[in-house]
Amino acid sequence: MNRCTTALIALCLCVSSLSAGDSLKIMQLEKRITVLEERLAVLEGKTAPVLKQLSAQEMKEDQRNKARERMRKDLEVYSREELREIESLYQVANKNWKSDKAKGKASLEKMLDKYDRANRTGCALMYLGQMTQGEEREKYLKKAVESYSDCYYGDGVQVGAYARYYLAYHYLQTGNKKKAGSLCAEIRADYPNAVTHSGQPLSGGLDKLEKELQ
């Protein structure tokens, strides 16, 4: 409890103990209370952004820790050689998508066929969902939601939250607001600490999406 709050409580207690004949003192104390309330409001206004920033930083670190934990699980399933191939296939798509879309897409689909339990494969599905259109986009994003929600990017972005977010936008753009709203509700309930690739809370983008759904 800060000094302004303590003083404010003390003044309120003093006011409650005064008799009706002490009206002048009451007025003076009320004025002092008003001044203290104003100072307290200013203080809270200055500290709120700092506290919010600290909370966002803690959220980002928490998600990155979960990402590292999920990646370690792949060592129980795949050899280091296989993990190198998984990463290589992902990077082929990352480097070639714009110049050779077919090659990039083939690389990611090979990951789905050969390494369907890998964390990076969840990221590959997100990639395919972001880079395709129409029914194909819906197919990949739904697959990511249904089978790879526990996967993470290295920066702490969780596929389960991000795939739902992109799928909700897809449904918004195609006129299915009901499905979009349901996905937003799932993100709120199941992924409250989800972050974006910039490290910011995903809830900020979710607020904007929900406004568009109104």
N, C-alpha and C. Protein backbone atom coordinates (compact mmCIF):
# COMPACT_ATOMS: atom_id res chain seq x y z
N MET A 1 0.86 -1.20 0.00
CA MET A 1 0.00 0.00 0.00
C MET A 1 0.89 1.24 0.00
N ASN A 2 0.68 2.22 -0.97
CA ASN A 2 1.54 3.38 -1.01
C ASN A 2 1.09 4.43 -0.01
N ARG A 3 1.95 5.50 0.16
CA ARG A 3 1.69 6.51 1.18
C ARG A 3 0.42 7.30 0.92
N CYS A 4 0.13 7.56 -0.35
CA CYS A 4 -1.09 8.31 -0.68
C CYS A 4 -2.33 7.55 -0.24
N THR A 5 -2.34 6.24 -0.50
CA THR A 5 -3.49 5.42 -0.13
C THR A 5 -3.64 5.37 1.38
N THR A 6 -2.51 5.22 2.10
CA THR A 6 -2.54 5.16 3.57
C THR A 6 -3.09 6.45 4.15
N ALA A 7 -2.60 7.58 3.62
CA ALA A 7 -3.05 8.88 4.12
C ALA A 7 -4.53 9.09 3.85
N LEU A 8 -4.98 8.64 2.70
CA LEU A 8 -6.38 8.78 2.32
C LEU A 8 -7.28 7.99 3.27
N ILE A 9 -6.87 6.79 3.61
CA ILE A 9 -7.65 5.98 4.55
C ILE A 9 -7.69 6.63 5.91
N ALA A 10 -6.55 7.17 6.36
CA ALA A 10 -6.48 7.82 7.67
C ALA A 10 -7.40 9.02 7.74
N LEU A 11 -7.43 9.81 6.67
CA LEU A 11 -8.29 10.99 6.63
C LEU A 11 -9.77 10.59 6.66
N CYS A 12 -10.09 9.53 5.96
CA CYS A 12 -11.49 9.07 5.96
C CYS A 12 -11.92 8.64 7.36
N LEU A 13 -11.01 8.01 8.11
CA LEU A 13 -11.31 7.59 9.48
C LEU A 13 -11.52 8.81 10.38
N CYS A 14 -10.70 9.84 10.15
CA CYS A 14 -10.85 11.07 10.95
C CYS A 14 -12.20 11.72 10.70
N VAL A 15 -12.60 11.76 9.43
CA VAL A 15 -13.88 12.38 9.08
C VAL A 15 -15.03 11.64 9.76
N SER A 16 -14.94 10.32 9.81
CA SER A 16 -16.03 9.54 10.39
C SER A 16 -16.17 9.74 11.89
N SER A 17 -15.08 10.20 12.56
CA SER A 17 -15.11 10.37 14.01
C SER A 17 -15.53 11.79 14.44
N LEU A 18 -15.65 12.71 13.49
CA LEU A 18 -16.02 14.08 13.84
C LEU A 18 -17.52 14.22 14.08
N SER A 19 -17.88 15.17 14.95
CA SER A 19 -19.30 15.43 15.23
C SER A 19 -19.88 16.35 14.17
N ALA A 20 -21.20 16.49 14.18
CA ALA A 20 -21.88 17.33 13.17
C ALA A 20 -21.45 18.79 13.28
N GLY A 21 -21.00 19.23 14.48
CA GLY A 21 -20.63 20.65 14.65
C GLY A 21 -19.28 20.99 14.08
N ASP A 22 -18.57 20.03 13.65
CA ASP A 22 -17.23 20.29 13.12
C ASP A 22 -17.26 20.43 11.60
N SER A 23 -18.24 21.12 11.09
CA SER A 23 -18.44 21.22 9.64
C SER A 23 -17.24 21.85 8.92
N LEU A 24 -16.60 22.86 9.51
CA LEU A 24 -15.46 23.52 8.87
C LEU A 24 -14.29 22.54 8.72
N LYS A 25 -14.05 21.80 9.80
CA LYS A 25 -12.97 20.82 9.75
C LYS A 25 -13.27 19.75 8.72
N ILE A 26 -14.53 19.36 8.64
CA ILE A 26 -14.94 18.35 7.66
C ILE A 26 -14.67 18.84 6.24
N MET A 27 -15.02 20.11 5.97
CA MET A 27 -14.80 20.68 4.64
C MET A 27 -13.32 20.70 4.30
N GLN A 28 -12.48 21.09 5.29
CA GLN A 28 -11.04 21.13 5.05
C GLN A 28 -10.48 19.75 4.77
N LEU A 29 -10.97 18.79 5.56
CA LEU A 29 -10.51 17.42 5.35
C LEU A 29 -10.97 16.86 4.00
N GLU A 30 -12.20 17.20 3.60
CA GLU A 30 -12.71 16.74 2.30
C GLU A 30 -11.88 17.30 1.17
N LYS A 31 -11.44 18.57 1.36
CA LYS A 31 -10.61 19.19 0.32
C LYS A 31 -9.27 18.47 0.22
N ARG A 32 -8.70 18.13 1.37
CA ARG A 32 -7.43 17.41 1.39
C ARG A 32 -7.59 16.01 0.78
N ILE A 33 -8.73 15.39 1.05
CA ILE A 33 -9.01 14.08 0.47
C ILE A 33 -9.08 14.17 -1.06
N THR A 34 -9.73 15.24 -1.56
CA THR A 34 -9.84 15.43 -3.01
C THR A 34 -8.47 15.57 -3.65
N VAL A 35 -7.60 16.36 -2.98
CA VAL A 35 -6.23 16.57 -3.50
C VAL A 35 -5.48 15.25 -3.53
N LEU A 36 -5.61 14.46 -2.46
CA LEU A 36 -4.93 13.17 -2.39
C LEU A 36 -5.45 12.20 -3.44
N GLU A 37 -6.76 12.23 -3.67
CA GLU A 37 -7.35 11.36 -4.70
C GLU A 37 -6.80 11.70 -6.07
N GLU A 38 -6.65 13.02 -6.34
CA GLU A 38 -6.11 13.45 -7.63
C GLU A 38 -4.67 12.99 -7.79
N ARG A 39 -3.87 13.13 -6.70
CA ARG A 39 -2.48 12.68 -6.76
C ARG A 39 -2.40 11.17 -6.97
N LEU A 40 -3.29 10.45 -6.31
CA LEU A 40 -3.31 9.00 -6.45
C LEU A 40 -3.67 8.58 -7.87
N ALA A 41 -4.61 9.29 -8.48
CA ALA A 41 -5.00 8.99 -9.86
C ALA A 41 -3.83 9.21 -10.82
N VAL A 42 -3.09 10.31 -10.59
CA VAL A 42 -1.92 10.61 -11.43
C VAL A 42 -0.87 9.52 -11.27
N LEU A 43 -0.63 9.11 -10.01
CA LEU A 43 0.36 8.07 -9.73
C LEU A 43 -0.02 6.75 -10.40
N GLU A 44 -1.28 6.38 -10.30
CA GLU A 44 -1.74 5.14 -10.93
C GLU A 44 -1.61 5.20 -12.44
N GLY A 45 -1.88 6.39 -13.00
CA GLY A 45 -1.76 6.57 -14.44
C GLY A 45 -0.33 6.40 -14.92
N LYS A 46 0.64 6.82 -14.09
CA LYS A 46 2.04 6.70 -14.47
C LYS A 46 2.56 5.28 -14.33
N THR A 47 2.08 4.57 -13.33
CA THR A 47 2.60 3.22 -13.08
C THR A 47 1.91 2.13 -13.91
N ALA A 48 0.68 2.38 -14.36
CA ALA A 48 -0.07 1.36 -15.10
C ALA A 48 0.65 0.86 -16.35
N PRO A 49 1.20 1.75 -17.22
CA PRO A 49 1.90 1.25 -18.41
C PRO A 49 3.12 0.40 -18.06
N VAL A 50 3.82 0.76 -16.99
CA VAL A 50 5.00 0.00 -16.58
C VAL A 50 4.60 -1.40 -16.14
N LEU A 51 3.54 -1.47 -15.33
CA LEU A 51 3.05 -2.76 -14.85
C LEU A 51 2.56 -3.62 -16.01
N LYS A 52 1.90 -2.98 -16.98
CA LYS A 52 1.40 -3.71 -18.15
C LYS A 52 2.56 -4.26 -18.96
N GLN A 53 3.62 -3.47 -19.12
CA GLN A 53 4.79 -3.89 -19.88
C GLN A 53 5.47 -5.08 -19.19
N LEU A 54 5.59 -5.00 -17.87
CA LEU A 54 6.19 -6.10 -17.12
C LEU A 54 5.37 -7.38 -17.30
N SER A 55 4.06 -7.23 -17.26
CA SER A 55 3.18 -8.39 -17.42
C SER A 55 3.35 -9.00 -18.80
N ALA A 56 3.45 -8.18 -19.85
CA ALA A 56 3.63 -8.66 -21.21
C ALA A 56 4.97 -9.39 -21.35
N GLN A 57 6.01 -8.86 -20.71
CA GLN A 57 7.33 -9.48 -20.76
C GLN A 57 7.31 -10.85 -20.08
N GLU A 58 6.65 -10.92 -18.93
CA GLU A 58 6.53 -12.18 -18.21
C GLU A 58 5.74 -13.20 -19.04
N MET A 59 4.70 -12.73 -19.72
CA MET A 59 3.88 -13.59 -20.56
C MET A 59 4.72 -14.17 -21.70
N LYS A 60 5.53 -13.32 -22.31
CA LYS A 60 6.38 -13.75 -23.42
C LYS A 60 7.39 -14.81 -22.96
N GLU A 61 8.02 -14.56 -21.81
CA GLU A 61 8.99 -15.52 -21.29
C GLU A 61 8.35 -16.85 -20.95
N ASP A 62 7.15 -16.79 -20.39
CA ASP A 62 6.43 -18.02 -20.04
C ASP A 62 6.15 -18.84 -21.29
N GLN A 63 5.71 -18.19 -22.37
CA GLN A 63 5.41 -18.90 -23.61
C GLN A 63 6.67 -19.46 -24.26
N ARG A 64 7.77 -18.74 -24.16
CA ARG A 64 9.03 -19.24 -24.72
C ARG A 64 9.52 -20.47 -23.95
N ASN A 65 9.33 -20.47 -22.65
CA ASN A 65 9.70 -21.64 -21.86
C ASN A 65 8.87 -22.86 -22.27
N LYS A 66 7.58 -22.63 -22.52
CA LYS A 66 6.71 -23.72 -22.96
C LYS A 66 7.12 -24.21 -24.35
N ALA A 67 7.57 -23.28 -25.19
CA ALA A 67 8.03 -23.66 -26.53
C ALA A 67 9.26 -24.56 -26.43
N ARG A 68 10.21 -24.20 -25.58
CA ARG A 68 11.42 -25.02 -25.41
C ARG A 68 11.07 -26.41 -24.87
N GLU A 69 10.11 -26.44 -23.96
CA GLU A 69 9.68 -27.72 -23.40
C GLU A 69 9.06 -28.61 -24.47
N ARG A 70 8.23 -28.02 -25.34
CA ARG A 70 7.60 -28.79 -26.42
C ARG A 70 8.65 -29.29 -27.42
N MET A 71 9.63 -28.46 -27.72
CA MET A 71 10.68 -28.87 -28.66
C MET A 71 11.51 -30.03 -28.11
N ARG A 72 11.76 -30.03 -26.81
CA ARG A 72 12.54 -31.11 -26.20
C ARG A 72 11.83 -32.46 -26.34
N LYS A 73 10.50 -32.43 -26.39
CA LYS A 73 9.74 -33.68 -26.52
C LYS A 73 10.03 -34.38 -27.85
N ASP A 74 10.42 -33.61 -28.87
CA ASP A 74 10.73 -34.22 -30.17
C ASP A 74 11.93 -35.16 -30.07
N LEU A 75 12.82 -34.91 -29.10
CA LEU A 75 13.99 -35.77 -28.92
C LEU A 75 13.60 -37.17 -28.47
N GLU A 76 12.38 -37.31 -27.93
CA GLU A 76 11.90 -38.62 -27.51
C GLU A 76 11.32 -39.41 -28.68
N VAL A 77 11.09 -38.70 -29.79
CA VAL A 77 10.44 -39.33 -30.95
C VAL A 77 11.39 -39.46 -32.14
N TYR A 78 12.19 -38.42 -32.36
CA TYR A 78 13.05 -38.37 -33.54
C TYR A 78 14.52 -38.29 -33.15
N SER A 79 15.37 -38.79 -34.04
CA SER A 79 16.81 -38.68 -33.84
C SER A 79 17.25 -37.26 -34.20
N ARG A 80 18.45 -36.92 -33.82
CA ARG A 80 18.96 -35.58 -34.15
C ARG A 80 19.10 -35.40 -35.66
N GLU A 81 19.43 -36.48 -36.33
CA GLU A 81 19.52 -36.42 -37.80
C GLU A 81 18.14 -36.13 -38.41
N GLU A 82 17.13 -36.78 -37.89
CA GLU A 82 15.77 -36.53 -38.38
C GLU A 82 15.33 -35.10 -38.07
N LEU A 83 15.68 -34.62 -36.90
CA LEU A 83 15.32 -33.24 -36.53
C LEU A 83 16.01 -32.23 -37.44
N ARG A 84 17.24 -32.54 -37.85
CA ARG A 84 17.94 -31.66 -38.79
C ARG A 84 17.23 -31.64 -40.14
N GLU A 85 16.74 -32.81 -40.56
CA GLU A 85 16.01 -32.87 -41.84
C GLU A 85 14.69 -32.11 -41.74
N ILE A 86 14.01 -32.23 -40.60
CA ILE A 86 12.75 -31.50 -40.38
C ILE A 86 12.98 -30.01 -40.52
N GLU A 87 14.01 -29.52 -39.88
CA GLU A 87 14.31 -28.09 -39.94
C GLU A 87 14.72 -27.68 -41.35
N SER A 88 15.47 -28.54 -42.01
CA SER A 88 15.90 -28.26 -43.38
C SER A 88 14.70 -28.15 -44.32
N LEU A 89 13.75 -29.06 -44.17
CA LEU A 89 12.55 -29.01 -45.01
C LEU A 89 11.76 -27.73 -44.77
N TYR A 90 11.68 -27.33 -43.51
CA TYR A 90 10.95 -26.10 -43.18
C TYR A 90 11.64 -24.89 -43.80
N GLN A 91 12.96 -24.85 -43.72
CA GLN A 91 13.70 -23.70 -44.24
C GLN A 91 13.69 -23.64 -45.76
N VAL A 92 13.56 -24.80 -46.41
CA VAL A 92 13.42 -24.82 -47.88
C VAL A 92 12.17 -24.04 -48.27
N ALA A 93 11.09 -24.29 -47.56
CA ALA A 93 9.84 -23.57 -47.83
C ALA A 93 9.99 -22.09 -47.49
N ASN A 94 10.66 -21.81 -46.39
CA ASN A 94 10.85 -20.43 -45.94
C ASN A 94 11.63 -19.61 -46.96
N LYS A 95 12.59 -20.25 -47.60
CA LYS A 95 13.45 -19.55 -48.56
C LYS A 95 12.86 -19.52 -49.98
N ASN A 96 12.08 -20.52 -50.31
CA ASN A 96 11.65 -20.66 -51.70
C ASN A 96 10.19 -20.33 -51.98
N TRP A 97 9.41 -20.01 -50.93
CA TRP A 97 7.96 -19.87 -51.16
C TRP A 97 7.65 -18.81 -52.21
N LYS A 98 8.28 -17.66 -52.10
CA LYS A 98 7.98 -16.57 -53.05
C LYS A 98 8.52 -16.85 -54.43
N SER A 99 9.72 -17.41 -54.51
CA SER A 99 10.34 -17.65 -55.82
C SER A 99 9.88 -18.95 -56.46
N ASP A 100 9.58 -19.95 -55.64
CA ASP A 100 9.17 -21.25 -56.16
C ASP A 100 8.13 -21.83 -55.21
N LYS A 101 6.89 -21.36 -55.35
CA LYS A 101 5.82 -21.75 -54.43
C LYS A 101 5.61 -23.26 -54.40
N ALA A 102 5.67 -23.91 -55.56
CA ALA A 102 5.44 -25.35 -55.64
C ALA A 102 6.50 -26.11 -54.84
N LYS A 103 7.73 -25.67 -54.93
CA LYS A 103 8.82 -26.34 -54.20
C LYS A 103 8.64 -26.15 -52.70
N GLY A 104 8.26 -24.94 -52.29
CA GLY A 104 8.05 -24.66 -50.88
C GLY A 104 6.90 -25.48 -50.32
N LYS A 105 5.83 -25.53 -51.07
CA LYS A 105 4.66 -26.28 -50.62
C LYS A 105 4.96 -27.78 -50.53
N ALA A 106 5.70 -28.30 -51.51
CA ALA A 106 6.05 -29.71 -51.52
C ALA A 106 6.92 -30.06 -50.31
N SER A 107 7.79 -29.16 -49.94
CA SER A 107 8.67 -29.38 -48.79
C SER A 107 7.87 -29.49 -47.50
N LEU A 108 6.90 -28.61 -47.33
CA LEU A 108 6.08 -28.63 -46.12
C LEU A 108 5.16 -29.85 -46.08
N GLU A 109 4.64 -30.22 -47.22
CA GLU A 109 3.76 -31.39 -47.26
C GLU A 109 4.54 -32.68 -47.01
N LYS A 110 5.81 -32.69 -47.36
CA LYS A 110 6.67 -33.83 -47.05
C LYS A 110 6.83 -33.97 -45.54
N MET A 111 6.94 -32.82 -44.87
CA MET A 111 7.01 -32.84 -43.40
C MET A 111 5.76 -33.48 -42.81
N LEU A 112 4.61 -33.13 -43.36
CA LEU A 112 3.34 -33.68 -42.86
C LEU A 112 3.27 -35.19 -43.05
N ASP A 113 3.78 -35.66 -44.18
CA ASP A 113 3.73 -37.10 -44.48
C ASP A 113 4.75 -37.89 -43.67
N LYS A 114 5.95 -37.33 -43.52
CA LYS A 114 7.06 -38.09 -42.95
C LYS A 114 7.25 -37.85 -41.45
N TYR A 115 6.92 -36.63 -41.00
CA TYR A 115 7.19 -36.28 -39.60
C TYR A 115 5.94 -35.65 -38.96
N ASP A 116 4.90 -36.43 -38.92
CA ASP A 116 3.62 -35.87 -38.48
C ASP A 116 3.52 -35.63 -36.97
N ARG A 117 4.53 -36.05 -36.21
CA ARG A 117 4.51 -35.83 -34.76
C ARG A 117 5.46 -34.73 -34.32
N ALA A 118 6.11 -34.10 -35.26
CA ALA A 118 7.12 -33.09 -34.92
C ALA A 118 6.49 -31.75 -34.59
N ASN A 119 7.11 -31.04 -33.66
CA ASN A 119 6.66 -29.70 -33.31
C ASN A 119 6.70 -28.77 -34.52
N ARG A 120 7.79 -28.87 -35.29
CA ARG A 120 7.96 -27.98 -36.44
C ARG A 120 6.89 -28.21 -37.50
N THR A 121 6.31 -29.40 -37.53
CA THR A 121 5.27 -29.69 -38.51
C THR A 121 4.02 -28.86 -38.23
N GLY A 122 3.76 -28.58 -36.96
CA GLY A 122 2.66 -27.68 -36.62
C GLY A 122 2.89 -26.30 -37.19
N CYS A 123 4.15 -25.84 -37.13
CA CYS A 123 4.50 -24.54 -37.71
C CYS A 123 4.36 -24.58 -39.23
N ALA A 124 4.70 -25.73 -39.82
CA ALA A 124 4.57 -25.90 -41.27
C ALA A 124 3.12 -25.76 -41.71
N LEU A 125 2.22 -26.35 -40.94
CA LEU A 125 0.78 -26.22 -41.27
C LEU A 125 0.32 -24.78 -41.17
N MET A 126 0.81 -24.07 -40.17
CA MET A 126 0.48 -22.65 -40.06
C MET A 126 0.97 -21.89 -41.28
N TYR A 127 2.18 -22.22 -41.71
CA TYR A 127 2.78 -21.59 -42.89
C TYR A 127 1.87 -21.82 -44.10
N LEU A 128 1.46 -23.07 -44.29
CA LEU A 128 0.60 -23.39 -45.42
C LEU A 128 -0.75 -22.66 -45.32
N GLY A 129 -1.27 -22.56 -44.10
CA GLY A 129 -2.54 -21.86 -43.90
C GLY A 129 -2.45 -20.39 -44.19
N GLN A 130 -1.30 -19.80 -43.90
CA GLN A 130 -1.11 -18.37 -44.15
C GLN A 130 -0.85 -18.06 -45.61
N MET A 131 -0.22 -18.99 -46.31
CA MET A 131 0.21 -18.72 -47.67
C MET A 131 -0.77 -19.18 -48.75
N THR A 132 -1.83 -19.87 -48.34
CA THR A 132 -2.83 -20.33 -49.31
C THR A 132 -4.12 -19.51 -49.17
N GLN A 133 -5.10 -19.84 -49.98
CA GLN A 133 -6.35 -19.09 -49.99
C GLN A 133 -7.55 -20.03 -49.99
N GLY A 134 -8.73 -19.47 -49.70
CA GLY A 134 -9.98 -20.19 -49.84
C GLY A 134 -10.08 -21.48 -49.04
N GLU A 135 -10.63 -22.51 -49.67
CA GLU A 135 -10.85 -23.79 -49.01
C GLU A 135 -9.54 -24.44 -48.58
N GLU A 136 -8.49 -24.21 -49.37
CA GLU A 136 -7.20 -24.79 -49.03
C GLU A 136 -6.67 -24.19 -47.72
N ARG A 137 -6.82 -22.89 -47.57
CA ARG A 137 -6.41 -22.23 -46.33
C ARG A 137 -7.19 -22.80 -45.14
N GLU A 138 -8.50 -22.92 -45.30
CA GLU A 138 -9.33 -23.46 -44.23
C GLU A 138 -8.89 -24.88 -43.85
N LYS A 139 -8.58 -25.70 -44.86
CA LYS A 139 -8.17 -27.08 -44.62
C LYS A 139 -6.91 -27.14 -43.76
N TYR A 140 -5.92 -26.36 -44.13
CA TYR A 140 -4.65 -26.40 -43.40
C TYR A 140 -4.80 -25.84 -41.98
N LEU A 141 -5.51 -24.76 -41.83
CA LEU A 141 -5.68 -24.16 -40.51
C LEU A 141 -6.50 -25.06 -39.58
N LYS A 142 -7.53 -25.69 -40.13
CA LYS A 142 -8.33 -26.62 -39.32
C LYS A 142 -7.48 -27.81 -38.87
N LYS A 143 -6.62 -28.30 -39.76
CA LYS A 143 -5.72 -29.39 -39.42
C LYS A 143 -4.77 -28.97 -38.30
N ALA A 144 -4.28 -27.74 -38.38
CA ALA A 144 -3.38 -27.23 -37.34
C ALA A 144 -4.10 -27.17 -35.99
N VAL A 145 -5.34 -26.70 -36.02
CA VAL A 145 -6.15 -26.61 -34.80
C VAL A 145 -6.41 -27.99 -34.20
N GLU A 146 -6.80 -28.91 -35.06
CA GLU A 146 -7.22 -30.23 -34.59
C GLU A 146 -6.07 -31.12 -34.12
N SER A 147 -4.91 -31.02 -34.80
CA SER A 147 -3.83 -31.98 -34.52
C SER A 147 -2.53 -31.39 -34.00
N TYR A 148 -2.37 -30.06 -34.07
CA TYR A 148 -1.08 -29.48 -33.71
C TYR A 148 -1.18 -28.28 -32.78
N SER A 149 -2.23 -28.23 -32.00
CA SER A 149 -2.43 -27.07 -31.12
C SER A 149 -1.34 -26.94 -30.06
N ASP A 150 -0.67 -28.04 -29.73
CA ASP A 150 0.35 -28.00 -28.68
C ASP A 150 1.72 -27.58 -29.21
N CYS A 151 1.83 -27.31 -30.50
CA CYS A 151 3.12 -26.94 -31.09
C CYS A 151 3.42 -25.45 -30.92
N TYR A 152 4.71 -25.13 -30.96
CA TYR A 152 5.15 -23.75 -30.74
C TYR A 152 6.23 -23.35 -31.74
N TYR A 153 6.25 -22.07 -32.08
CA TYR A 153 7.41 -21.46 -32.72
C TYR A 153 8.43 -21.16 -31.61
N GLY A 154 9.68 -20.99 -31.99
CA GLY A 154 10.72 -20.74 -31.01
C GLY A 154 10.53 -19.46 -30.23
N ASP A 155 9.81 -18.49 -30.80
CA ASP A 155 9.60 -17.21 -30.12
C ASP A 155 8.42 -17.23 -29.15
N GLY A 156 7.80 -18.41 -28.97
CA GLY A 156 6.72 -18.53 -27.99
C GLY A 156 5.32 -18.48 -28.57
N VAL A 157 5.19 -18.29 -29.87
CA VAL A 157 3.87 -18.28 -30.50
C VAL A 157 3.34 -19.71 -30.54
N GLN A 158 2.14 -19.93 -29.99
CA GLN A 158 1.57 -21.26 -29.96
C GLN A 158 0.65 -21.48 -31.16
N VAL A 159 0.85 -22.58 -31.83
CA VAL A 159 0.07 -22.89 -33.03
C VAL A 159 -1.42 -22.94 -32.72
N GLY A 160 -1.78 -23.53 -31.57
CA GLY A 160 -3.20 -23.65 -31.22
C GLY A 160 -3.91 -22.31 -31.20
N ALA A 161 -3.26 -21.30 -30.62
CA ALA A 161 -3.86 -19.97 -30.56
C ALA A 161 -3.81 -19.27 -31.91
N TYR A 162 -2.66 -19.33 -32.56
CA TYR A 162 -2.46 -18.58 -33.81
C TYR A 162 -3.30 -19.15 -34.95
N ALA A 163 -3.41 -20.47 -35.01
CA ALA A 163 -4.22 -21.09 -36.06
C ALA A 163 -5.69 -20.71 -35.90
N ARG A 164 -6.16 -20.70 -34.67
CA ARG A 164 -7.55 -20.30 -34.41
C ARG A 164 -7.76 -18.84 -34.79
N TYR A 165 -6.76 -18.01 -34.51
CA TYR A 165 -6.84 -16.58 -34.83
C TYR A 165 -6.95 -16.36 -36.34
N TYR A 166 -6.09 -17.02 -37.09
CA TYR A 166 -6.13 -16.87 -38.55
C TYR A 166 -7.39 -17.50 -39.15
N LEU A 167 -7.81 -18.62 -38.57
CA LEU A 167 -9.02 -19.26 -39.06
C LEU A 167 -10.25 -18.40 -38.78
N ALA A 168 -10.24 -17.73 -37.63
CA ALA A 168 -11.35 -16.82 -37.30
C ALA A 168 -11.42 -15.68 -38.32
N TYR A 169 -10.27 -15.14 -38.69
CA TYR A 169 -10.25 -14.08 -39.71
C TYR A 169 -10.74 -14.61 -41.06
N HIS A 170 -10.35 -15.83 -41.36
CA HIS A 170 -10.81 -16.44 -42.62
C HIS A 170 -12.34 -16.53 -42.62
N TYR A 171 -12.92 -16.96 -41.51
CA TYR A 171 -14.38 -17.08 -41.43
C TYR A 171 -15.05 -15.70 -41.46
N LEU A 172 -14.42 -14.72 -40.85
CA LEU A 172 -14.95 -13.36 -40.92
C LEU A 172 -15.01 -12.87 -42.36
N GLN A 173 -13.93 -13.11 -43.10
CA GLN A 173 -13.85 -12.66 -44.49
C GLN A 173 -14.79 -13.43 -45.41
N THR A 174 -15.13 -14.65 -45.02
CA THR A 174 -16.03 -15.45 -45.87
C THR A 174 -17.47 -15.41 -45.37
N GLY A 175 -17.74 -14.55 -44.38
CA GLY A 175 -19.11 -14.31 -43.93
C GLY A 175 -19.65 -15.24 -42.87
N ASN A 176 -18.79 -16.06 -42.29
CA ASN A 176 -19.26 -16.98 -41.25
C ASN A 176 -18.87 -16.44 -39.87
N LYS A 177 -19.62 -15.45 -39.42
CA LYS A 177 -19.29 -14.79 -38.15
C LYS A 177 -19.49 -15.70 -36.94
N LYS A 178 -20.41 -16.63 -37.06
CA LYS A 178 -20.67 -17.53 -35.93
C LYS A 178 -19.45 -18.38 -35.63
N LYS A 179 -18.86 -18.97 -36.67
CA LYS A 179 -17.66 -19.78 -36.47
C LYS A 179 -16.49 -18.92 -36.00
N ALA A 180 -16.39 -17.73 -36.54
CA ALA A 180 -15.32 -16.82 -36.12
C ALA A 180 -15.45 -16.48 -34.65
N GLY A 181 -16.67 -16.20 -34.22
CA GLY A 181 -16.92 -15.87 -32.81
C GLY A 181 -16.60 -17.02 -31.88
N SER A 182 -16.91 -18.23 -32.31
CA SER A 182 -16.62 -19.42 -31.49
C SER A 182 -15.12 -19.61 -31.31
N LEU A 183 -14.36 -19.37 -32.37
CA LEU A 183 -12.91 -19.49 -32.28
C LEU A 183 -12.31 -18.42 -31.36
N CYS A 184 -12.86 -17.22 -31.43
CA CYS A 184 -12.39 -16.15 -30.54
C CYS A 184 -12.64 -16.53 -29.08
N ALA A 185 -13.79 -17.11 -28.82
CA ALA A 185 -14.13 -17.54 -27.46
C ALA A 185 -13.17 -18.63 -26.99
N GLU A 186 -12.78 -19.54 -27.89
CA GLU A 186 -11.84 -20.60 -27.54
C GLU A 186 -10.47 -20.01 -27.18
N ILE A 187 -10.04 -19.02 -27.94
CA ILE A 187 -8.74 -18.38 -27.65
C ILE A 187 -8.78 -17.71 -26.28
N ARG A 188 -9.87 -16.99 -26.00
CA ARG A 188 -10.02 -16.32 -24.70
C ARG A 188 -9.96 -17.34 -23.55
N ALA A 189 -10.64 -18.46 -23.74
CA ALA A 189 -10.75 -19.44 -22.66
C ALA A 189 -9.50 -20.30 -22.50
N ASP A 190 -8.92 -20.74 -23.64
CA ASP A 190 -7.85 -21.74 -23.58
C ASP A 190 -6.45 -21.18 -23.76
N TYR A 191 -6.34 -19.97 -24.32
CA TYR A 191 -5.00 -19.41 -24.59
C TYR A 191 -4.91 -17.95 -24.12
N PRO A 192 -5.21 -17.68 -22.85
CA PRO A 192 -5.22 -16.29 -22.37
C PRO A 192 -3.86 -15.61 -22.40
N ASN A 193 -2.77 -16.39 -22.39
CA ASN A 193 -1.43 -15.82 -22.37
C ASN A 193 -0.72 -15.92 -23.72
N ALA A 194 -1.46 -16.19 -24.77
CA ALA A 194 -0.86 -16.32 -26.10
C ALA A 194 -0.23 -15.01 -26.55
N VAL A 195 0.90 -15.13 -27.28
CA VAL A 195 1.61 -13.95 -27.77
C VAL A 195 1.74 -14.01 -29.29
N THR A 196 2.07 -12.86 -29.88
CA THR A 196 2.30 -12.77 -31.31
C THR A 196 3.80 -12.90 -31.58
N HIS A 197 4.18 -12.90 -32.86
CA HIS A 197 5.60 -13.00 -33.21
C HIS A 197 6.40 -11.77 -32.77
N SER A 198 5.72 -10.68 -32.51
CA SER A 198 6.40 -9.48 -32.01
C SER A 198 6.51 -9.49 -30.49
N GLY A 199 5.98 -10.54 -29.87
CA GLY A 199 6.08 -10.66 -28.41
C GLY A 199 4.96 -9.99 -27.65
N GLN A 200 4.00 -9.43 -28.36
CA GLN A 200 2.87 -8.75 -27.72
C GLN A 200 1.74 -9.75 -27.44
N PRO A 201 0.90 -9.47 -26.44
CA PRO A 201 -0.23 -10.36 -26.17
C PRO A 201 -1.15 -10.47 -27.39
N LEU A 202 -1.55 -11.67 -27.73
CA LEU A 202 -2.45 -11.88 -28.86
C LEU A 202 -3.83 -11.26 -28.59
N SER A 203 -4.12 -11.04 -27.32
CA SER A 203 -5.42 -10.47 -26.94
C SER A 203 -5.67 -9.12 -27.59
N GLY A 204 -4.58 -8.37 -27.88
CA GLY A 204 -4.75 -7.08 -28.55
C GLY A 204 -5.35 -7.24 -29.94
N GLY A 205 -4.82 -8.17 -30.72
CA GLY A 205 -5.38 -8.44 -32.04
C GLY A 205 -6.76 -9.05 -31.95
N LEU A 206 -6.97 -9.82 -30.91
CA LEU A 206 -8.28 -10.45 -30.71
C LEU A 206 -9.35 -9.40 -30.43
N ASP A 207 -8.99 -8.37 -29.68
CA ASP A 207 -9.93 -7.27 -29.42
C ASP A 207 -10.42 -6.65 -30.74
N LYS A 208 -9.48 -6.40 -31.65
CA LYS A 208 -9.83 -5.80 -32.95
C LYS A 208 -10.70 -6.74 -33.77
N LEU A 209 -10.36 -8.01 -33.75
CA LEU A 209 -11.16 -8.99 -34.50
C LEU A 209 -12.58 -9.05 -33.99
N GLU A 210 -12.74 -9.05 -32.69
CA GLU A 210 -14.08 -9.14 -32.11
C GLU A 210 -14.90 -7.89 -32.40
N LYS A 211 -14.26 -6.74 -32.51
CA LYS A 211 -14.97 -5.52 -32.88
C LYS A 211 -15.52 -5.62 -34.30
N GLU A 212 -14.74 -6.25 -35.18
CA GLU A 212 -15.19 -6.43 -36.56
C GLU A 212 -16.35 -7.42 -36.64
N LEU A 213 -16.46 -8.28 -35.64
CA LEU A 213 -17.54 -9.26 -35.65
C LEU A 213 -18.86 -8.67 -35.15
N GLN A 214 -18.80 -7.51 -34.52
CA GLN A 214 -20.01 -6.91 -33.94
C GLN A 214 -20.91 -6.34 -35.02
